Amino acid sequence: MQTALLEQNETAAGPLELVELELALKHQDFVEQGFEGAVKHALEQIEGRLLFQMRLDGVNDCDWVAAIAFEDDDTPVHALVVQRTGSDTLDVESIETSDLPVARIVNAYASLITTLDRVQ
């Protein structure tokens, strides 16, 4: 019964890591810490990694976006943390379902970073 509920939750909300990230972000005061500070602190709690962040200044109704990565059974999981214009919360979006254009570059950027890390 509990396994079926977990599978149902993962299907509805994405991988469990995305749910953990949402919960970690809910406990951050991003007004006090700033967008970057709140995202980094939440990622430390769930052992995630910040790939990049950028200020969008209202483009696509967003002020800030951060691409994040973490491992799920040796498979990388990528997502976006988004601060919508005029919002006082941070949202987590799967790159597969996000309508933000930046979501399309996350996999390529993550692959580039992984390759560069191996070269060094």
N, C-alpha and C. Protein backbone atom coordinates (compact mmCIF):
# COMPACT_ATOMS: atom_id res chain seq x y z
N MET A 1 0.83 -1.20 0.00
CA MET A 1 0.00 0.00 0.00
C MET A 1 0.87 1.25 0.00
N GLN A 2 1.87 1.31 0.88
CA GLN A 2 2.73 2.47 0.97
C GLN A 2 3.57 2.62 -0.30
N THR A 3 4.03 1.53 -0.89
CA THR A 3 4.80 1.58 -2.13
C THR A 3 3.96 2.14 -3.26
N ALA A 4 2.73 1.71 -3.37
CA ALA A 4 1.84 2.22 -4.42
C ALA A 4 1.61 3.72 -4.26
N LEU A 5 1.47 4.18 -3.03
CA LEU A 5 1.29 5.59 -2.77
C LEU A 5 2.54 6.36 -3.15
N LEU A 6 3.72 5.84 -2.82
CA LEU A 6 4.98 6.48 -3.18
C LEU A 6 5.12 6.56 -4.69
N GLU A 7 4.82 5.46 -5.40
CA GLU A 7 4.91 5.47 -6.85
C GLU A 7 3.94 6.48 -7.44
N GLN A 8 2.76 6.59 -6.87
CA GLN A 8 1.77 7.54 -7.34
C GLN A 8 2.28 8.97 -7.12
N ASN A 9 2.88 9.24 -5.96
CA ASN A 9 3.42 10.56 -5.67
C ASN A 9 4.58 10.90 -6.60
N GLU A 10 5.45 9.93 -6.89
CA GLU A 10 6.56 10.20 -7.78
C GLU A 10 6.07 10.50 -9.18
N THR A 11 5.03 9.82 -9.63
CA THR A 11 4.48 10.07 -10.95
C THR A 11 3.86 11.46 -11.00
N ALA A 12 3.16 11.84 -9.97
CA ALA A 12 2.48 13.13 -9.97
C ALA A 12 3.44 14.29 -9.78
N ALA A 13 4.44 14.14 -8.93
CA ALA A 13 5.31 15.27 -8.60
C ALA A 13 6.70 15.15 -9.20
N GLY A 14 7.03 14.05 -9.85
CA GLY A 14 8.37 13.85 -10.36
C GLY A 14 9.18 13.03 -9.37
N PRO A 15 10.49 12.95 -9.59
CA PRO A 15 11.32 12.17 -8.68
C PRO A 15 11.23 12.69 -7.24
N LEU A 16 11.47 11.81 -6.34
CA LEU A 16 11.41 12.14 -4.92
C LEU A 16 12.34 13.31 -4.58
N GLU A 17 13.45 13.42 -5.28
CA GLU A 17 14.40 14.50 -5.02
C GLU A 17 13.78 15.87 -5.27
N LEU A 18 12.89 15.96 -6.26
CA LEU A 18 12.23 17.23 -6.52
C LEU A 18 11.31 17.62 -5.37
N VAL A 19 10.65 16.63 -4.80
CA VAL A 19 9.79 16.88 -3.64
C VAL A 19 10.65 17.31 -2.45
N GLU A 20 11.78 16.63 -2.25
CA GLU A 20 12.69 17.01 -1.16
C GLU A 20 13.20 18.43 -1.34
N LEU A 21 13.53 18.79 -2.58
CA LEU A 21 14.00 20.15 -2.85
C LEU A 21 12.90 21.17 -2.55
N GLU A 22 11.68 20.88 -2.97
CA GLU A 22 10.56 21.79 -2.67
C GLU A 22 10.42 22.00 -1.17
N LEU A 23 10.50 20.91 -0.41
CA LEU A 23 10.38 21.01 1.05
C LEU A 23 11.53 21.80 1.65
N ALA A 24 12.75 21.56 1.18
CA ALA A 24 13.92 22.29 1.68
C ALA A 24 13.80 23.78 1.37
N LEU A 25 13.28 24.11 0.20
CA LEU A 25 13.12 25.52 -0.17
C LEU A 25 12.05 26.21 0.65
N LYS A 26 11.02 25.46 1.03
CA LYS A 26 9.93 26.04 1.84
C LYS A 26 10.44 26.53 3.19
N HIS A 27 11.55 25.95 3.68
CA HIS A 27 12.09 26.32 4.98
C HIS A 27 13.18 27.38 4.88
N GLN A 28 13.34 27.98 3.71
CA GLN A 28 14.34 29.03 3.51
C GLN A 28 13.66 30.39 3.48
N ASP A 29 14.33 31.38 4.03
CA ASP A 29 13.85 32.76 3.94
C ASP A 29 14.61 33.42 2.81
N PHE A 30 14.09 33.29 1.58
CA PHE A 30 14.86 33.79 0.45
C PHE A 30 14.89 35.31 0.40
N VAL A 31 13.99 35.99 1.11
CA VAL A 31 14.06 37.45 1.18
C VAL A 31 15.30 37.84 1.98
N GLU A 32 15.56 37.15 3.07
CA GLU A 32 16.72 37.44 3.91
C GLU A 32 18.01 36.90 3.29
N GLN A 33 17.97 35.67 2.79
CA GLN A 33 19.17 35.02 2.26
C GLN A 33 19.46 35.40 0.81
N GLY A 34 18.47 35.91 0.12
CA GLY A 34 18.61 36.14 -1.30
C GLY A 34 18.34 34.84 -2.05
N PHE A 35 18.09 34.97 -3.33
CA PHE A 35 17.76 33.79 -4.14
C PHE A 35 18.90 32.77 -4.10
N GLU A 36 20.12 33.21 -4.38
CA GLU A 36 21.26 32.30 -4.43
C GLU A 36 21.49 31.62 -3.09
N GLY A 37 21.44 32.37 -2.01
CA GLY A 37 21.66 31.81 -0.68
C GLY A 37 20.62 30.77 -0.31
N ALA A 38 19.36 31.05 -0.62
CA ALA A 38 18.29 30.11 -0.30
C ALA A 38 18.44 28.82 -1.11
N VAL A 39 18.76 28.95 -2.39
CA VAL A 39 18.91 27.77 -3.24
C VAL A 39 20.11 26.95 -2.78
N LYS A 40 21.24 27.59 -2.54
CA LYS A 40 22.44 26.86 -2.11
C LYS A 40 22.21 26.15 -0.78
N HIS A 41 21.57 26.82 0.16
CA HIS A 41 21.32 26.20 1.46
C HIS A 41 20.39 24.99 1.33
N ALA A 42 19.35 25.11 0.52
CA ALA A 42 18.44 23.98 0.30
C ALA A 42 19.17 22.82 -0.37
N LEU A 43 20.03 23.12 -1.35
CA LEU A 43 20.77 22.06 -2.04
C LEU A 43 21.74 21.34 -1.11
N GLU A 44 22.33 22.05 -0.16
CA GLU A 44 23.20 21.41 0.83
C GLU A 44 22.43 20.38 1.64
N GLN A 45 21.19 20.67 1.95
CA GLN A 45 20.38 19.76 2.75
C GLN A 45 20.03 18.48 2.01
N ILE A 46 19.92 18.54 0.69
CA ILE A 46 19.53 17.34 -0.06
C ILE A 46 20.66 16.81 -0.95
N GLU A 47 21.85 17.35 -0.75
CA GLU A 47 23.04 16.94 -1.50
C GLU A 47 22.87 17.14 -3.01
N GLY A 48 22.33 18.29 -3.36
CA GLY A 48 22.19 18.65 -4.77
C GLY A 48 23.32 19.59 -5.18
N ARG A 49 23.34 19.93 -6.47
CA ARG A 49 24.41 20.77 -6.99
C ARG A 49 23.82 21.88 -7.87
N LEU A 50 24.29 23.08 -7.65
CA LEU A 50 23.88 24.21 -8.47
C LEU A 50 24.69 24.19 -9.75
N LEU A 51 24.01 24.12 -10.89
CA LEU A 51 24.69 24.16 -12.18
C LEU A 51 24.92 25.60 -12.61
N PHE A 52 23.87 26.39 -12.60
CA PHE A 52 23.97 27.82 -12.90
C PHE A 52 22.73 28.53 -12.42
N GLN A 53 22.83 29.84 -12.33
CA GLN A 53 21.67 30.66 -12.02
C GLN A 53 21.73 31.89 -12.91
N MET A 54 20.58 32.45 -13.19
CA MET A 54 20.57 33.67 -13.98
C MET A 54 19.38 34.54 -13.61
N ARG A 55 19.63 35.82 -13.72
CA ARG A 55 18.57 36.81 -13.49
C ARG A 55 17.84 37.00 -14.80
N LEU A 56 16.51 36.89 -14.75
CA LEU A 56 15.71 37.03 -15.96
C LEU A 56 14.97 38.37 -16.03
N ASP A 57 14.93 39.12 -14.94
CA ASP A 57 14.30 40.45 -14.91
C ASP A 57 12.92 40.50 -15.55
N GLY A 58 12.08 39.54 -15.22
CA GLY A 58 10.70 39.55 -15.69
C GLY A 58 10.44 38.81 -16.98
N VAL A 59 11.48 38.33 -17.65
CA VAL A 59 11.29 37.56 -18.88
C VAL A 59 10.57 36.26 -18.53
N ASN A 60 9.56 35.92 -19.30
CA ASN A 60 8.73 34.74 -19.03
C ASN A 60 8.15 34.75 -17.62
N ASP A 61 7.87 35.96 -17.10
CA ASP A 61 7.28 36.13 -15.78
C ASP A 61 8.17 35.59 -14.66
N CYS A 62 9.50 35.66 -14.85
CA CYS A 62 10.45 35.19 -13.85
C CYS A 62 11.47 36.27 -13.54
N ASP A 63 11.86 36.33 -12.27
CA ASP A 63 12.96 37.22 -11.88
C ASP A 63 14.28 36.46 -11.84
N TRP A 64 14.26 35.25 -11.27
CA TRP A 64 15.48 34.43 -11.14
C TRP A 64 15.16 32.99 -11.50
N VAL A 65 16.17 32.30 -12.02
CA VAL A 65 16.06 30.87 -12.27
C VAL A 65 17.41 30.23 -11.97
N ALA A 66 17.38 29.05 -11.41
CA ALA A 66 18.60 28.28 -11.14
C ALA A 66 18.39 26.86 -11.67
N ALA A 67 19.41 26.35 -12.33
CA ALA A 67 19.39 24.96 -12.77
C ALA A 67 20.13 24.14 -11.73
N ILE A 68 19.55 23.02 -11.34
CA ILE A 68 20.16 22.18 -10.31
C ILE A 68 20.26 20.75 -10.82
N ALA A 69 21.15 20.00 -10.17
CA ALA A 69 21.34 18.59 -10.52
C ALA A 69 21.57 17.78 -9.26
N PHE A 70 21.12 16.54 -9.30
CA PHE A 70 21.43 15.56 -8.26
C PHE A 70 21.25 14.18 -8.86
N GLU A 71 21.82 13.21 -8.20
CA GLU A 71 21.79 11.84 -8.70
C GLU A 71 20.60 11.09 -8.13
N ASP A 72 19.95 10.31 -8.98
CA ASP A 72 18.84 9.45 -8.58
C ASP A 72 19.17 8.06 -9.09
N ASP A 73 19.69 7.21 -8.22
CA ASP A 73 20.11 5.86 -8.62
C ASP A 73 21.08 5.92 -9.80
N ASP A 74 22.11 6.75 -9.68
CA ASP A 74 23.15 6.94 -10.70
C ASP A 74 22.64 7.58 -11.98
N THR A 75 21.43 8.07 -11.99
CA THR A 75 20.89 8.79 -13.13
C THR A 75 20.76 10.25 -12.74
N PRO A 76 21.36 11.17 -13.51
CA PRO A 76 21.23 12.57 -13.12
C PRO A 76 19.80 13.06 -13.26
N VAL A 77 19.37 13.85 -12.30
CA VAL A 77 18.07 14.50 -12.32
C VAL A 77 18.33 16.00 -12.37
N HIS A 78 17.71 16.68 -13.33
CA HIS A 78 17.88 18.12 -13.48
C HIS A 78 16.54 18.80 -13.30
N ALA A 79 16.59 19.97 -12.69
CA ALA A 79 15.37 20.73 -12.47
C ALA A 79 15.71 22.21 -12.41
N LEU A 80 14.68 23.02 -12.37
CA LEU A 80 14.83 24.46 -12.24
C LEU A 80 14.20 24.91 -10.93
N VAL A 81 14.83 25.87 -10.29
CA VAL A 81 14.23 26.59 -9.17
C VAL A 81 13.92 27.97 -9.72
N VAL A 82 12.66 28.38 -9.59
CA VAL A 82 12.19 29.59 -10.25
C VAL A 82 11.57 30.54 -9.23
N GLN A 83 11.97 31.81 -9.33
CA GLN A 83 11.28 32.85 -8.58
C GLN A 83 10.47 33.65 -9.60
N ARG A 84 9.17 33.49 -9.55
CA ARG A 84 8.27 34.20 -10.45
C ARG A 84 8.20 35.68 -10.06
N THR A 85 7.98 36.52 -11.02
CA THR A 85 7.86 37.95 -10.78
C THR A 85 6.71 38.21 -9.81
N GLY A 86 7.01 38.96 -8.76
CA GLY A 86 5.99 39.31 -7.78
C GLY A 86 5.65 38.22 -6.79
N SER A 87 6.36 37.09 -6.84
CA SER A 87 6.06 35.97 -5.94
C SER A 87 7.01 35.98 -4.76
N ASP A 88 6.53 35.53 -3.63
CA ASP A 88 7.39 35.42 -2.46
C ASP A 88 7.73 33.96 -2.15
N THR A 89 7.57 33.10 -3.15
CA THR A 89 7.94 31.69 -3.00
C THR A 89 8.86 31.28 -4.15
N LEU A 90 9.56 30.18 -3.94
CA LEU A 90 10.40 29.59 -4.97
C LEU A 90 9.75 28.29 -5.42
N ASP A 91 9.63 28.12 -6.73
CA ASP A 91 8.99 26.94 -7.29
C ASP A 91 10.04 26.02 -7.92
N VAL A 92 9.78 24.73 -7.88
CA VAL A 92 10.63 23.73 -8.51
C VAL A 92 9.90 23.20 -9.73
N GLU A 93 10.62 23.18 -10.85
CA GLU A 93 10.03 22.68 -12.09
C GLU A 93 10.97 21.64 -12.70
N SER A 94 10.41 20.55 -13.12
CA SER A 94 11.17 19.55 -13.88
C SER A 94 11.52 20.16 -15.23
N ILE A 95 12.72 19.91 -15.73
CA ILE A 95 13.08 20.47 -17.04
C ILE A 95 12.25 19.85 -18.15
N GLU A 96 11.74 18.65 -17.92
CA GLU A 96 10.92 17.98 -18.93
C GLU A 96 9.56 18.64 -19.10
N THR A 97 9.04 19.25 -18.03
CA THR A 97 7.70 19.83 -18.09
C THR A 97 7.70 21.36 -18.04
N SER A 98 8.85 21.97 -17.82
CA SER A 98 8.91 23.42 -17.73
C SER A 98 8.67 24.07 -19.09
N ASP A 99 7.98 25.19 -19.07
CA ASP A 99 7.76 25.94 -20.30
C ASP A 99 8.80 27.05 -20.48
N LEU A 100 9.75 27.15 -19.56
CA LEU A 100 10.80 28.16 -19.68
C LEU A 100 11.85 27.74 -20.71
N PRO A 101 12.23 28.63 -21.61
CA PRO A 101 13.22 28.28 -22.64
C PRO A 101 14.56 27.81 -22.06
N VAL A 102 14.93 28.31 -20.90
CA VAL A 102 16.21 27.92 -20.29
C VAL A 102 16.24 26.43 -19.96
N ALA A 103 15.09 25.81 -19.79
CA ALA A 103 15.04 24.38 -19.46
C ALA A 103 15.67 23.52 -20.55
N ARG A 104 15.64 24.02 -21.79
CA ARG A 104 16.16 23.24 -22.92
C ARG A 104 17.69 23.15 -22.94
N ILE A 105 18.37 24.04 -22.19
CA ILE A 105 19.84 24.01 -22.22
C ILE A 105 20.46 23.30 -21.02
N VAL A 106 19.65 22.92 -20.05
CA VAL A 106 20.18 22.36 -18.80
C VAL A 106 20.94 21.06 -19.04
N ASN A 107 20.38 20.13 -19.80
CA ASN A 107 21.08 18.86 -20.04
C ASN A 107 22.42 19.08 -20.74
N ALA A 108 22.44 19.95 -21.73
CA ALA A 108 23.68 20.22 -22.45
C ALA A 108 24.71 20.86 -21.53
N TYR A 109 24.28 21.80 -20.71
CA TYR A 109 25.20 22.45 -19.77
C TYR A 109 25.74 21.45 -18.75
N ALA A 110 24.88 20.60 -18.22
CA ALA A 110 25.31 19.59 -17.25
C ALA A 110 26.32 18.63 -17.88
N SER A 111 26.10 18.24 -19.13
CA SER A 111 27.04 17.35 -19.82
C SER A 111 28.39 18.04 -20.02
N LEU A 112 28.37 19.31 -20.36
CA LEU A 112 29.60 20.07 -20.53
C LEU A 112 30.38 20.14 -19.23
N ILE A 113 29.72 20.44 -18.15
CA ILE A 113 30.37 20.52 -16.84
C ILE A 113 30.96 19.18 -16.43
N THR A 114 30.22 18.10 -16.66
CA THR A 114 30.70 16.76 -16.34
C THR A 114 31.96 16.44 -17.15
N THR A 115 31.95 16.78 -18.42
CA THR A 115 33.12 16.54 -19.27
C THR A 115 34.31 17.35 -18.79
N LEU A 116 34.10 18.61 -18.47
CA LEU A 116 35.20 19.46 -17.99
C LEU A 116 35.75 18.96 -16.66
N ASP A 117 34.87 18.47 -15.79
CA ASP A 117 35.33 17.93 -14.50
C ASP A 117 36.23 16.71 -14.71
N ARG A 118 35.93 15.89 -15.70
CA ARG A 118 36.74 14.69 -15.97
C ARG A 118 38.11 15.06 -16.53
N VAL A 119 38.17 16.12 -17.32
CA VAL A 119 39.43 16.55 -17.95
C VAL A 119 40.39 17.07 -16.90
N GLN A 120 39.87 17.75 -15.90
CA GLN A 120 40.72 18.33 -14.88
C GLN A 120 41.21 17.26 -13.99
